[in-house]
């Protein structure tokens, strides 16, 4: 007879959090899988989870699905003890499902604050935080009116987008008229470009308290790194950057309290102004991408994924704050346009100073095109050092040394 507690977990893909859930020996996971997510599951992941408890549901018919799930649990003699979601795309559906099971999770209004960037910025401005000028837009005349007030450059992007997909930095009228977005859909927004230095942050939250905030240094704004093939490393700061005129954990606590969030991880992107002030950009109620959680875990010597799972399960953590043991960063090497005739191997990457892990994604003999998104990488490498500065120097050497050779080709290949 199963003696473990049951964790109902929204399972949309094979990712680090999913693997951490599956590895827990003290929990029996129930994988709550949206039907629409099936095409994103690798065969390896399907094989690895075939013996798990899996419930496939229609994310657009939650009320009926939770009734059906209740009957399924009765038949299986299962009582759900805990729930967990780390999906941004399915956040509303997952939490609706969980609320129907009488769990105290985020409301639809809270989901809108962390998913819809217009409502997000309206809310944080109401809470007293600094944000750039912004507006929802439905046609070119509204865009022209906004630009007339703030000037160029501006940013056009989806209100609920991810991974900087369909995000455009616009510097002049010519660029504006080339942006291929359907504004009439009501799905897009415009905002003033911020010239401050960008810093992503992650905050572990338990019972509404910000236990600790971890700051990431990025070498270049994500879109600039992707578009112009510049050094793109995201690395954990082992101490608060000197340019901050604020305490990051205090700032995050103010935001978490204002949003009424309780248990999980908040990821944040903010800019630091010329006087060291915080200018909030975007945030999410989930773990960060770009290896940030792994970087923080290695830099501070604890397992951040399992800590978040613990928090979902009500396990109290009193050991915070952790002290940094060094710095770890993830270097991303962009794809080049064309047919790849040569690309260095992951083994070559791993032999370079400071590199502790690496993966080459793109393949020789395939044709790649630059995609209009932040994450279009040919390879990545995890790099470790005693300080942020040491990691950055290692990263520069790797970036200069890694070789991708291409030739022009009219064919395209989806990654």
Protein backbone atom coordinates (compact mmCIF):
# COMPACT_ATOMS: atom_id res chain seq x y z
CA UNK A 1 0.00 0.00 0.00
CA UNK A 2 1.31 3.46 -0.90
CA UNK A 3 2.37 5.37 2.24
CA UNK A 4 3.50 8.50 0.41
CA UNK A 5 1.56 11.70 0.12
CA UNK A 6 0.14 12.53 -3.31
CA UNK A 7 1.31 15.61 -5.21
CA UNK A 8 -0.88 16.68 -8.14
CA UNK A 9 1.58 18.35 -10.53
CA UNK A 10 0.83 20.18 -13.79
CA UNK A 11 3.04 18.32 -16.25
CA UNK A 12 3.39 20.08 -19.60
CA UNK A 13 6.86 18.98 -20.70
CA UNK A 14 10.13 17.32 -19.79
CA UNK A 15 11.93 19.94 -17.69
CA UNK A 16 14.10 20.24 -14.61
CA UNK A 17 11.14 20.76 -12.26
CA UNK A 18 9.31 17.73 -13.68
CA UNK A 19 12.40 15.59 -13.22
CA UNK A 20 12.78 16.84 -9.63
CA UNK A 21 9.15 15.91 -8.89
CA UNK A 22 9.64 12.44 -10.37
CA UNK A 23 12.80 11.87 -8.32
CA UNK A 24 11.14 12.51 -4.95
CA UNK A 25 11.01 9.31 -2.91
CA UNK A 26 8.71 10.81 -0.26
CA UNK A 27 5.95 11.78 -2.71
CA UNK A 28 3.79 9.98 -5.23
CA UNK A 29 3.22 12.36 -8.13
CA UNK A 30 0.03 12.53 -10.15
CA UNK A 31 0.97 14.04 -13.50
CA UNK A 32 -1.82 16.36 -14.60
CA UNK A 33 -1.27 16.60 -18.36
CA UNK A 34 -3.10 19.03 -20.65
CA UNK A 35 -4.22 17.37 -23.89
CA UNK A 36 -2.78 20.26 -25.91
CA UNK A 37 0.66 19.68 -24.40
CA UNK A 38 0.96 16.12 -25.72
CA UNK A 39 2.83 17.21 -28.86
CA UNK A 40 5.60 18.74 -26.71
CA UNK A 41 6.37 15.50 -24.83
CA UNK A 42 9.46 13.70 -26.06
CA UNK A 43 9.31 9.96 -26.58
CA UNK A 44 12.01 9.58 -23.95
CA UNK A 45 9.89 11.43 -21.39
CA UNK A 46 6.79 9.43 -22.31
CA UNK A 47 8.79 6.22 -21.80
CA UNK A 48 10.27 7.44 -18.52
CA UNK A 49 6.83 8.29 -17.08
CA UNK A 50 4.75 5.38 -18.43
CA UNK A 51 4.46 3.80 -14.96
CA UNK A 52 3.43 7.04 -13.23
CA UNK A 53 -0.08 8.08 -12.30
CA UNK A 54 -1.17 10.28 -15.22
CA UNK A 55 -4.42 12.19 -15.69
CA UNK A 56 -4.94 13.82 -19.10
CA UNK A 57 -7.40 16.71 -19.12
CA UNK A 58 -8.98 19.31 -21.38
CA UNK A 59 -7.60 22.66 -20.19
CA UNK A 60 -10.56 24.49 -21.72
CA UNK A 61 -13.22 22.58 -19.77
CA UNK A 62 -11.91 22.69 -16.21
CA UNK A 63 -15.15 22.36 -14.23
CA UNK A 64 -16.17 19.16 -15.98
CA UNK A 65 -12.64 17.82 -15.85
CA UNK A 66 -12.32 18.28 -12.09
CA UNK A 67 -15.57 16.35 -11.58
CA UNK A 68 -14.22 13.54 -13.74
CA UNK A 69 -10.91 13.69 -11.86
CA UNK A 70 -12.73 13.34 -8.54
CA UNK A 71 -14.38 10.13 -9.73
CA UNK A 72 -11.02 8.88 -11.05
CA UNK A 73 -9.45 9.48 -7.63
CA UNK A 74 -12.27 7.56 -5.91
CA UNK A 75 -11.71 4.62 -8.24
CA UNK A 76 -7.95 4.73 -7.56
CA UNK A 77 -8.48 5.24 -3.79
CA UNK A 78 -6.41 8.43 -4.00
CA UNK A 79 -6.59 11.56 -1.88
CA UNK A 80 -4.62 14.50 -3.27
CA UNK A 81 -2.53 16.02 -0.48
CA UNK A 82 -0.62 18.76 -2.31
CA UNK A 83 -0.66 20.60 -5.63
CA UNK A 84 2.10 22.23 -7.65
CA UNK A 85 2.36 24.21 -10.87
CA UNK A 86 5.44 25.68 -12.56
CA UNK A 87 3.84 26.32 -15.95
CA UNK A 88 3.29 29.86 -17.13
CA UNK A 89 1.18 28.92 -20.13
CA UNK A 90 -1.19 26.68 -18.13
CA UNK A 91 -1.13 28.73 -14.93
CA UNK A 92 -4.77 29.81 -15.11
CA UNK A 93 -6.04 26.33 -16.02
CA UNK A 94 -3.93 24.60 -13.35
CA UNK A 95 -4.98 26.90 -10.55
CA UNK A 96 -8.64 26.77 -11.59
CA UNK A 97 -8.35 22.97 -11.40
CA UNK A 98 -6.68 23.17 -7.98
CA UNK A 99 -9.25 25.61 -6.60
CA UNK A 100 -12.04 23.26 -7.64
CA UNK A 101 -10.33 20.67 -5.43
CA UNK A 102 -10.46 23.19 -2.52
CA UNK A 103 -6.77 24.09 -2.48
CA UNK A 104 -5.73 27.62 -1.51
CA UNK A 105 -3.89 28.75 -4.65
CA UNK A 106 -3.75 31.90 -6.76
CA UNK A 107 -6.96 33.44 -8.09
CA UNK A 108 -7.76 34.33 -11.70
CA UNK A 109 -7.10 37.97 -10.83
CA UNK A 110 -3.64 37.13 -9.45
CA UNK A 111 -2.94 35.07 -12.57
CA UNK A 112 -3.80 38.11 -14.72
CA UNK A 113 -1.29 40.21 -12.76
CA UNK A 114 1.53 37.78 -13.53
CA UNK A 115 0.49 36.84 -17.10
CA UNK A 116 -0.98 39.96 -18.75
CA UNK A 117 1.80 42.52 -18.94
CA UNK A 118 -0.58 45.48 -19.19
CA UNK A 119 -2.49 44.45 -16.05
CA UNK A 120 0.85 43.59 -14.45
CA UNK A 121 2.27 47.08 -14.95
CA UNK A 122 -0.99 48.73 -13.91
CA UNK A 123 -0.92 46.76 -10.66
CA UNK A 124 2.72 47.41 -9.77
CA UNK A 125 2.31 51.12 -10.49
CA UNK A 126 -0.70 51.07 -8.15
CA UNK A 127 1.57 49.47 -5.52
CA UNK A 128 4.03 52.34 -5.83
CA UNK A 129 6.73 50.78 -8.00
CA UNK A 130 8.45 52.57 -10.84
CA UNK A 131 7.71 51.32 -14.38
CA UNK A 132 8.26 52.77 -17.84
CA UNK A 133 5.34 54.25 -19.77
CA UNK A 134 3.17 51.59 -21.44
CA UNK A 135 -0.16 51.06 -23.17
CA UNK A 136 -2.32 48.40 -24.76
CA UNK A 137 -2.64 48.98 -28.51
CA UNK A 138 -5.13 47.93 -31.16
CA UNK A 139 -4.04 49.88 -34.22
CA UNK A 140 -1.21 51.90 -35.72
CA UNK A 141 -2.78 55.22 -34.79
CA UNK A 142 -2.63 54.32 -31.08
CA UNK A 143 1.00 53.34 -31.52
CA UNK A 144 1.80 56.61 -33.31
CA UNK A 145 0.05 58.57 -30.55
CA UNK A 146 2.11 56.77 -27.86
CA UNK A 147 5.38 57.41 -29.72
CA UNK A 148 4.40 61.05 -30.07
CA UNK A 149 4.36 61.30 -26.27
CA UNK A 150 7.50 59.31 -25.34
CA UNK A 151 9.58 59.21 -28.54
CA UNK A 152 11.70 56.40 -29.91
CA UNK A 153 12.90 53.77 -29.13
CA UNK A 154 9.86 51.76 -28.04
CA UNK A 155 9.14 48.07 -27.55
CA UNK A 156 6.22 46.26 -29.18
CA UNK A 157 5.37 42.85 -27.75
CA UNK A 158 2.59 40.42 -26.80
CA UNK A 159 0.71 41.14 -23.60
CA UNK A 160 1.04 37.50 -22.52
CA UNK A 161 4.14 36.40 -24.41
CA UNK A 162 7.06 34.26 -23.33
CA UNK A 163 10.74 33.98 -24.27
CA UNK A 164 10.71 37.40 -25.99
CA UNK A 165 8.89 35.87 -28.96
CA UNK A 166 7.43 38.50 -31.30
CA UNK A 167 9.13 41.28 -29.33
CA UNK A 168 10.42 44.20 -31.40
CA UNK A 169 12.64 47.10 -30.39
CA UNK A 170 11.66 49.93 -32.73
CA UNK A 171 13.94 52.92 -33.32
CA UNK A 172 12.23 54.82 -36.14
CA UNK A 173 9.25 54.97 -38.49
CA UNK A 174 10.81 52.64 -41.06
CA UNK A 175 11.25 49.89 -38.45
CA UNK A 176 7.75 50.51 -37.11
CA UNK A 177 6.10 49.90 -40.46
CA UNK A 178 8.02 46.64 -40.89
CA UNK A 179 6.78 45.08 -37.64
CA UNK A 180 4.59 42.09 -38.70
CA UNK A 181 2.06 42.11 -35.85
CA UNK A 182 -1.74 42.12 -36.06
CA UNK A 183 -2.56 44.86 -33.56
CA UNK A 184 -6.32 44.51 -34.12
CA UNK A 185 -6.24 41.23 -32.17
CA UNK A 186 -5.84 43.20 -28.94
CA UNK A 187 -2.99 40.89 -27.90
CA UNK A 188 -0.18 43.46 -28.10
CA UNK A 189 1.21 46.37 -26.11
CA UNK A 190 3.77 49.11 -26.45
CA UNK A 191 6.17 50.44 -23.87
CA UNK A 192 8.93 52.96 -23.57
CA UNK A 193 12.39 51.47 -24.04
CA UNK A 194 14.35 51.38 -20.78
CA UNK A 195 18.06 52.24 -20.98
CA UNK A 196 18.82 50.89 -17.50
CA UNK A 197 20.85 47.75 -16.85
CA UNK A 198 18.67 44.64 -16.71
CA UNK A 199 18.88 42.18 -13.79
CA UNK A 200 16.69 39.06 -13.50
CA UNK A 201 15.91 37.89 -9.95
CA UNK A 202 14.35 34.84 -8.30
CA UNK A 203 12.67 34.89 -4.91
CA UNK A 204 11.65 31.83 -2.90
CA UNK A 205 8.39 32.53 -1.09
CA UNK A 206 6.83 30.63 1.80
CA UNK A 207 3.65 31.67 3.59
CA UNK A 208 3.90 35.08 1.94
CA UNK A 209 7.45 35.70 3.15
CA UNK A 210 10.36 36.32 0.77
CA UNK A 211 12.90 33.84 2.17
CA UNK A 212 15.74 34.90 -0.13
CA UNK A 213 16.23 36.69 -3.43
CA UNK A 214 18.90 35.59 -5.92
CA UNK A 215 20.19 38.08 -8.48
CA UNK A 216 21.35 37.21 -11.99
CA UNK A 217 23.82 39.28 -14.02
CA UNK A 218 23.34 39.21 -17.78
CA UNK A 219 26.06 40.39 -20.11
CA UNK A 220 23.69 41.86 -22.69
CA UNK A 221 19.98 42.55 -23.00
CA UNK A 222 18.42 39.31 -24.21
CA UNK A 223 17.08 40.62 -27.51
CA UNK A 224 20.34 42.40 -28.36
CA UNK A 225 22.34 39.25 -27.65
CA UNK A 226 20.03 37.19 -29.86
CA UNK A 227 19.80 39.65 -32.76
CA UNK A 228 23.40 40.83 -32.90
CA UNK A 229 25.20 37.63 -31.82
CA UNK A 230 26.73 39.18 -28.72
CA UNK A 231 28.01 37.53 -25.55
CA UNK A 232 24.97 36.09 -23.78
CA UNK A 233 25.69 34.78 -20.29
CA UNK A 234 23.32 34.64 -17.34
CA UNK A 235 25.24 34.18 -14.09
CA UNK A 236 24.39 34.24 -10.41
CA UNK A 237 25.73 37.21 -8.44
CA UNK A 238 27.43 35.99 -5.28
CA UNK A 239 26.56 39.32 -3.62
CA UNK A 240 24.21 42.23 -4.25
CA UNK A 241 25.52 44.36 -7.15
CA UNK A 242 27.05 47.65 -6.01
CA UNK A 243 24.87 49.61 -8.45
CA UNK A 244 21.72 48.64 -6.49
CA UNK A 245 20.44 51.52 -4.33
CA UNK A 246 17.90 49.10 -2.84
CA UNK A 247 17.80 45.74 -1.11
CA UNK A 248 16.45 43.18 -3.60
CA UNK A 249 14.74 40.98 -1.02
CA UNK A 250 12.99 43.97 0.58
CA UNK A 251 11.80 45.12 -2.84
CA UNK A 252 10.51 41.65 -3.67
CA UNK A 253 8.78 41.32 -0.30
CA UNK A 254 6.88 44.54 -0.99
CA UNK A 255 5.74 43.19 -4.35
CA UNK A 256 4.80 39.73 -3.03
CA UNK A 257 2.77 41.28 -0.22
CA UNK A 258 1.03 43.63 -2.65
CA UNK A 259 0.10 40.76 -4.97
CA UNK A 260 -0.95 38.48 -2.10
CA UNK A 261 1.24 35.58 -3.24
CA UNK A 262 2.03 32.83 -0.75
CA UNK A 263 4.03 29.74 -1.71
CA UNK A 264 6.32 29.31 -4.69
CA UNK A 265 8.97 31.10 -6.70
CA UNK A 266 8.73 34.57 -8.19
CA UNK A 267 10.90 35.39 -11.17
CA UNK A 268 11.47 39.06 -11.92
CA UNK A 269 13.17 41.19 -14.56
CA UNK A 270 13.99 44.70 -13.47
CA UNK A 271 16.16 47.53 -14.66
CA UNK A 272 18.47 49.63 -12.52
CA UNK A 273 18.29 53.32 -13.31
CA UNK A 274 21.15 55.81 -13.38
CA UNK A 275 20.71 56.55 -9.67
CA UNK A 276 20.55 52.87 -8.68
CA UNK A 277 16.76 52.81 -8.41
CA UNK A 278 14.67 49.78 -9.36
CA UNK A 279 12.46 50.03 -12.45
CA UNK A 280 10.22 46.95 -12.61
CA UNK A 281 9.83 45.29 -15.98
CA UNK A 282 8.11 41.87 -15.90
CA UNK A 283 7.64 39.02 -13.46
CA UNK A 284 6.15 35.57 -13.23
CA UNK A 285 4.90 33.19 -10.54
CA UNK A 286 7.15 30.32 -11.61
CA UNK A 287 10.82 29.42 -11.80
CA UNK A 288 13.10 31.20 -14.26
CA UNK A 289 14.43 29.73 -17.45
CA UNK A 290 17.97 30.07 -18.84
CA UNK A 291 19.39 27.65 -16.21
CA UNK A 292 18.88 30.32 -13.53
CA UNK A 293 17.61 27.87 -10.91
CA UNK A 294 20.51 25.50 -11.51
CA UNK A 295 22.94 28.43 -11.40
CA UNK A 296 21.55 29.61 -8.06
CA UNK A 297 21.53 26.08 -6.63
CA UNK A 298 25.17 25.49 -7.54
CA UNK A 299 26.27 28.97 -6.45
CA UNK A 300 24.59 28.79 -3.04
CA UNK A 301 24.94 25.05 -2.35
CA UNK A 302 21.33 23.91 -2.08
CA UNK A 303 18.69 22.30 -4.30
CA UNK A 304 16.32 25.09 -5.29
CA UNK A 305 13.90 22.87 -7.23
CA UNK A 306 13.39 20.52 -4.29
CA UNK A 307 13.05 23.44 -1.91
CA UNK A 308 10.17 24.77 -4.01
CA UNK A 309 8.55 21.32 -4.06
CA UNK A 310 8.93 21.25 -0.27
CA UNK A 311 7.16 24.59 -0.06
CA UNK A 312 4.28 23.31 -2.21
CA UNK A 313 4.01 20.51 0.35
CA UNK A 314 4.04 22.77 3.40
CA UNK A 315 7.51 21.78 4.62
CA UNK A 316 8.93 24.71 6.56
CA UNK A 317 12.39 25.98 5.60
CA UNK A 318 14.18 27.96 8.31
CA UNK A 319 17.78 27.78 7.00
CA UNK A 320 17.52 30.88 4.82
CA UNK A 321 19.39 32.98 3.88
CA UNK A 322 22.11 30.86 2.30
CA UNK A 323 25.61 32.25 1.77
CA UNK A 324 27.12 32.09 -1.71
CA UNK A 325 29.96 29.62 -2.32
CA UNK A 326 30.90 31.11 -5.70
CA UNK A 327 29.21 31.93 -8.98
CA UNK A 328 27.83 29.77 -11.80
CA UNK A 329 26.58 31.05 -15.14
CA UNK A 330 25.01 29.72 -18.31
CA UNK A 331 26.54 30.88 -21.60
CA UNK A 332 24.28 30.71 -24.66
CA UNK A 333 25.79 30.58 -28.14
CA UNK A 334 23.44 31.78 -30.86
CA UNK A 335 22.65 30.01 -34.09
CA UNK A 336 24.05 31.42 -37.31
CA UNK A 337 21.97 31.83 -40.45
CA UNK A 338 22.54 29.10 -43.04
CA UNK A 339 23.60 25.49 -43.51
CA UNK A 340 25.96 24.34 -40.76
CA UNK A 341 29.13 22.85 -42.25
CA UNK A 342 30.99 22.64 -38.92
CA UNK A 343 30.07 23.01 -35.27
CA UNK A 344 32.30 22.27 -32.27
CA UNK A 345 31.26 19.42 -29.99
CA UNK A 346 30.04 19.43 -26.41
CA UNK A 347 33.24 17.60 -25.42
CA UNK A 348 35.29 20.47 -26.82
CA UNK A 349 33.23 22.89 -24.74
CA UNK A 350 33.67 20.82 -21.57
CA UNK A 351 37.46 20.92 -21.91
CA UNK A 352 37.56 24.71 -21.69
CA UNK A 353 38.53 26.39 -18.38
CA UNK A 354 35.62 26.88 -16.02
CA UNK A 355 33.12 24.78 -18.01
CA UNK A 356 31.35 22.18 -15.86
CA UNK A 357 28.63 21.08 -18.30
CA UNK A 358 27.66 21.76 -21.91
CA UNK A 359 25.29 20.76 -24.67
CA UNK A 360 25.35 21.35 -28.41
CA UNK A 361 21.82 21.64 -29.80
CA UNK A 362 22.30 22.48 -33.48
CA UNK A 363 23.56 19.87 -35.91
CA UNK A 364 25.98 19.79 -38.81
CA UNK A 365 24.15 19.43 -42.10
CA UNK A 366 21.01 21.28 -40.99
CA UNK A 367 19.94 24.76 -42.04
CA UNK A 368 18.95 27.30 -39.42
CA UNK A 369 17.32 30.70 -39.59
CA UNK A 370 17.37 33.41 -36.98
CA UNK A 371 14.06 33.26 -35.13
CA UNK A 372 12.49 36.37 -33.66
CA UNK A 373 12.78 35.20 -30.08
CA UNK A 374 15.25 35.41 -27.24
CA UNK A 375 16.21 31.76 -27.05
CA UNK A 376 17.50 30.49 -30.41
CA UNK A 377 20.68 28.77 -29.31
CA UNK A 378 23.13 26.47 -31.02
CA UNK A 379 24.77 25.45 -27.75
CA UNK A 380 25.09 26.26 -24.07
CA UNK A 381 27.76 25.83 -21.40
CA UNK A 382 27.60 26.04 -17.60
CA UNK A 383 30.62 27.88 -16.25
CA UNK A 384 31.80 28.01 -12.64
CA UNK A 385 34.12 30.40 -10.82
CA UNK A 386 34.77 31.93 -7.43
CA UNK A 387 33.31 35.30 -8.45
CA UNK A 388 31.01 36.78 -11.07
CA UNK A 389 34.01 38.46 -12.68
CA UNK A 390 35.93 35.18 -13.01
CA UNK A 391 32.93 33.45 -14.64
CA UNK A 392 32.55 36.36 -17.05
CA UNK A 393 36.18 36.07 -18.19
CA UNK A 394 35.84 32.32 -18.72
CA UNK A 395 32.66 32.96 -20.71
CA UNK A 396 34.37 35.46 -23.00
CA UNK A 397 37.06 32.88 -23.83
CA UNK A 398 34.46 30.20 -24.60
CA UNK A 399 32.41 32.59 -26.72
CA UNK A 400 35.47 33.58 -28.76
CA UNK A 401 36.67 30.00 -29.19
CA UNK A 402 33.48 28.12 -30.07
CA UNK A 403 33.26 27.59 -33.82
CA UNK A 404 30.16 27.42 -36.00
CA UNK A 405 30.71 27.56 -39.75
CA UNK A 406 27.83 28.01 -42.18
CA UNK A 407 27.17 28.50 -45.86
CA UNK A 408 24.18 30.17 -47.47
CA UNK A 409 21.24 27.87 -48.20
CA UNK A 410 17.65 28.60 -49.20
CA UNK A 411 16.22 25.72 -47.24
CA UNK A 412 15.00 26.08 -43.66
CA UNK A 413 14.77 23.70 -40.77
CA UNK A 414 12.66 23.93 -37.65
CA UNK A 415 14.52 23.14 -34.50
